[in-house]
Protein backbone atom coordinates (compact mmCIF):
# COMPACT_ATOMS: atom_id res chain seq x y z
CA UNK A 1 1.88 52.42 -13.88
CA UNK A 2 5.30 51.57 -15.29
CA UNK A 3 6.96 52.08 -11.89
CA UNK A 4 4.45 49.82 -10.12
CA UNK A 5 4.87 46.89 -12.53
CA UNK A 6 8.66 47.25 -12.40
CA UNK A 7 8.56 47.17 -8.61
CA UNK A 8 6.39 44.04 -8.60
CA UNK A 9 8.73 42.31 -11.06
CA UNK A 10 11.78 43.33 -9.01
CA UNK A 11 10.20 41.99 -5.79
CA UNK A 12 9.30 38.74 -7.50
CA UNK A 13 12.81 38.37 -8.88
CA UNK A 14 14.29 39.05 -5.44
CA UNK A 15 12.08 36.42 -3.79
CA UNK A 16 12.89 33.81 -6.43
CA UNK A 17 16.63 34.49 -6.15
CA UNK A 18 16.47 34.16 -2.35
CA UNK A 19 14.64 30.85 -2.61
CA UNK A 20 17.10 29.48 -5.15
CA UNK A 21 20.23 30.54 -3.28
CA UNK A 22 19.14 29.37 0.18
CA UNK A 23 21.07 26.20 1.08
CA UNK A 24 18.93 23.15 1.60
CA UNK A 25 19.72 21.62 4.96
CA UNK A 26 16.93 19.08 5.37
CA UNK A 27 18.24 15.57 4.96
CA UNK A 28 16.19 12.39 5.04
CA UNK A 29 17.88 11.21 8.24
CA UNK A 30 17.67 14.54 10.06
CA UNK A 31 14.07 15.58 9.46
CA UNK A 32 10.59 14.15 9.32
CA UNK A 33 10.48 14.51 5.54
CA UNK A 34 12.34 11.23 5.06
CA UNK A 35 10.01 9.09 7.13
CA UNK A 36 8.99 6.33 4.79
CA UNK A 37 10.35 8.11 1.72
CA UNK A 38 13.44 5.91 1.40
CA UNK A 39 11.29 2.78 1.73
CA UNK A 40 8.84 4.05 -0.90
CA UNK A 41 11.71 4.78 -3.31
CA UNK A 42 12.98 1.22 -2.87
CA UNK A 43 9.44 -0.05 -3.49
CA UNK A 44 9.09 2.02 -6.66
CA UNK A 45 12.49 0.80 -7.92
CA UNK A 46 11.53 -2.83 -7.29
CA UNK A 47 14.14 -3.38 -4.57
CA UNK A 48 11.57 -4.39 -1.94
CA UNK A 49 8.16 -5.98 -2.25
CA UNK A 50 4.90 -4.38 -1.23
CA UNK A 51 3.64 -5.92 2.03
CA UNK A 52 0.62 -8.21 1.82
CA UNK A 53 -2.44 -6.59 3.35
CA UNK A 54 -5.62 -8.11 4.73
CA UNK A 55 -8.89 -6.78 6.08
CA UNK A 56 -8.98 -6.79 9.87
CA UNK A 57 -12.32 -6.40 11.61
CA UNK A 58 -12.93 -4.99 15.08
CA UNK A 59 -12.70 -7.85 17.58
CA UNK A 60 -12.93 -5.88 20.82
CA UNK A 61 -12.77 -2.42 22.31
CA UNK A 62 -11.69 -1.98 25.93
CA UNK A 63 -11.38 1.19 28.01
CA UNK A 64 -9.22 1.63 31.11
CA UNK A 65 -9.32 5.05 32.74
CA UNK A 66 -8.75 7.60 29.96
CA UNK A 67 -7.24 5.20 27.39
CA UNK A 68 -8.84 2.82 24.94
CA UNK A 69 -7.59 -0.13 22.89
CA UNK A 70 -9.21 -1.29 19.66
CA UNK A 71 -8.09 -4.79 18.67
CA UNK A 72 -8.67 -5.96 15.10
CA UNK A 73 -8.49 -9.57 13.87
CA UNK A 74 -7.75 -10.66 10.33
CA UNK A 75 -6.87 -13.74 8.30
CA UNK A 76 -4.80 -16.52 9.94
CA UNK A 77 -4.57 -14.84 13.33
CA UNK A 78 -3.34 -11.52 12.03
CA UNK A 79 -3.92 -8.88 14.71
CA UNK A 80 -3.67 -5.11 14.87
CA UNK A 81 -4.04 -2.99 18.03
CA UNK A 82 -4.75 0.73 17.99
CA UNK A 83 -4.51 2.79 21.18
CA UNK A 84 -6.39 6.08 21.60
CA UNK A 85 -8.34 8.14 24.11
CA UNK A 86 -11.44 6.81 25.87
CA UNK A 87 -14.56 7.31 23.81
CA UNK A 88 -12.67 7.91 20.56
CA UNK A 89 -13.84 6.27 17.35
CA UNK A 90 -12.85 2.69 16.49
CA UNK A 91 -13.47 1.81 12.83
CA UNK A 92 -15.35 -1.42 12.19
CA UNK A 93 -12.57 -2.61 9.87
CA UNK A 94 -9.08 -1.53 8.79
CA UNK A 95 -6.46 -2.71 6.33
CA UNK A 96 -3.56 -4.26 8.23
CA UNK A 97 -0.34 -5.99 7.25
CA UNK A 98 -0.77 -9.75 6.84
CA UNK A 99 1.30 -11.20 9.68
CA UNK A 100 0.04 -14.58 10.91
CA UNK A 101 1.27 -15.39 14.42
CA UNK A 102 -0.08 -18.23 16.56
CA UNK A 103 1.37 -16.72 19.76
CA UNK A 104 -0.85 -13.61 19.60
CA UNK A 105 -4.46 -13.38 20.71
CA UNK A 106 -7.11 -10.73 21.28
CA UNK A 107 -7.13 -11.41 25.01
CA UNK A 108 -3.33 -11.15 25.10
CA UNK A 109 -3.49 -7.61 23.72
CA UNK A 110 -6.21 -6.62 26.20
CA UNK A 111 -4.37 -8.09 29.22
CA UNK A 112 -1.11 -6.37 28.25
CA UNK A 113 -2.99 -3.08 27.79
CA UNK A 114 -4.70 -3.36 31.20
CA UNK A 115 -1.40 -4.22 32.92
CA UNK A 116 0.34 -1.26 31.30
CA UNK A 117 -2.46 1.11 32.34
CA UNK A 118 -2.43 -0.19 35.93
CA UNK A 119 1.33 0.43 36.15
CA UNK A 120 0.83 4.04 35.01
CA UNK A 121 -1.56 5.00 37.83
């Protein structure tokens, strides 16, 4: 009994020492761990402001071959486009960044999507 508990403690100590002495090589710029982390730290420290969000509702859903576009419209001509596979789910509403732009339109997104799909025959 004494030998078994000593062995378990020794193994645990060995694992902990290996974890603590292994050099950490993951940097925010070199790995996926830093995606958005630097921006969130700036947000938490008050260096940047949180983006304004608005509710965007599904305006249209178009399918071309095996691809689908879901276009959402929000306040003051704020638009969001989500591309996915044909037949995939499009939510009835999403939260999107408030970005009013008079040059954008629902039909503009659909036309650009159809043109891109026709080029990729």
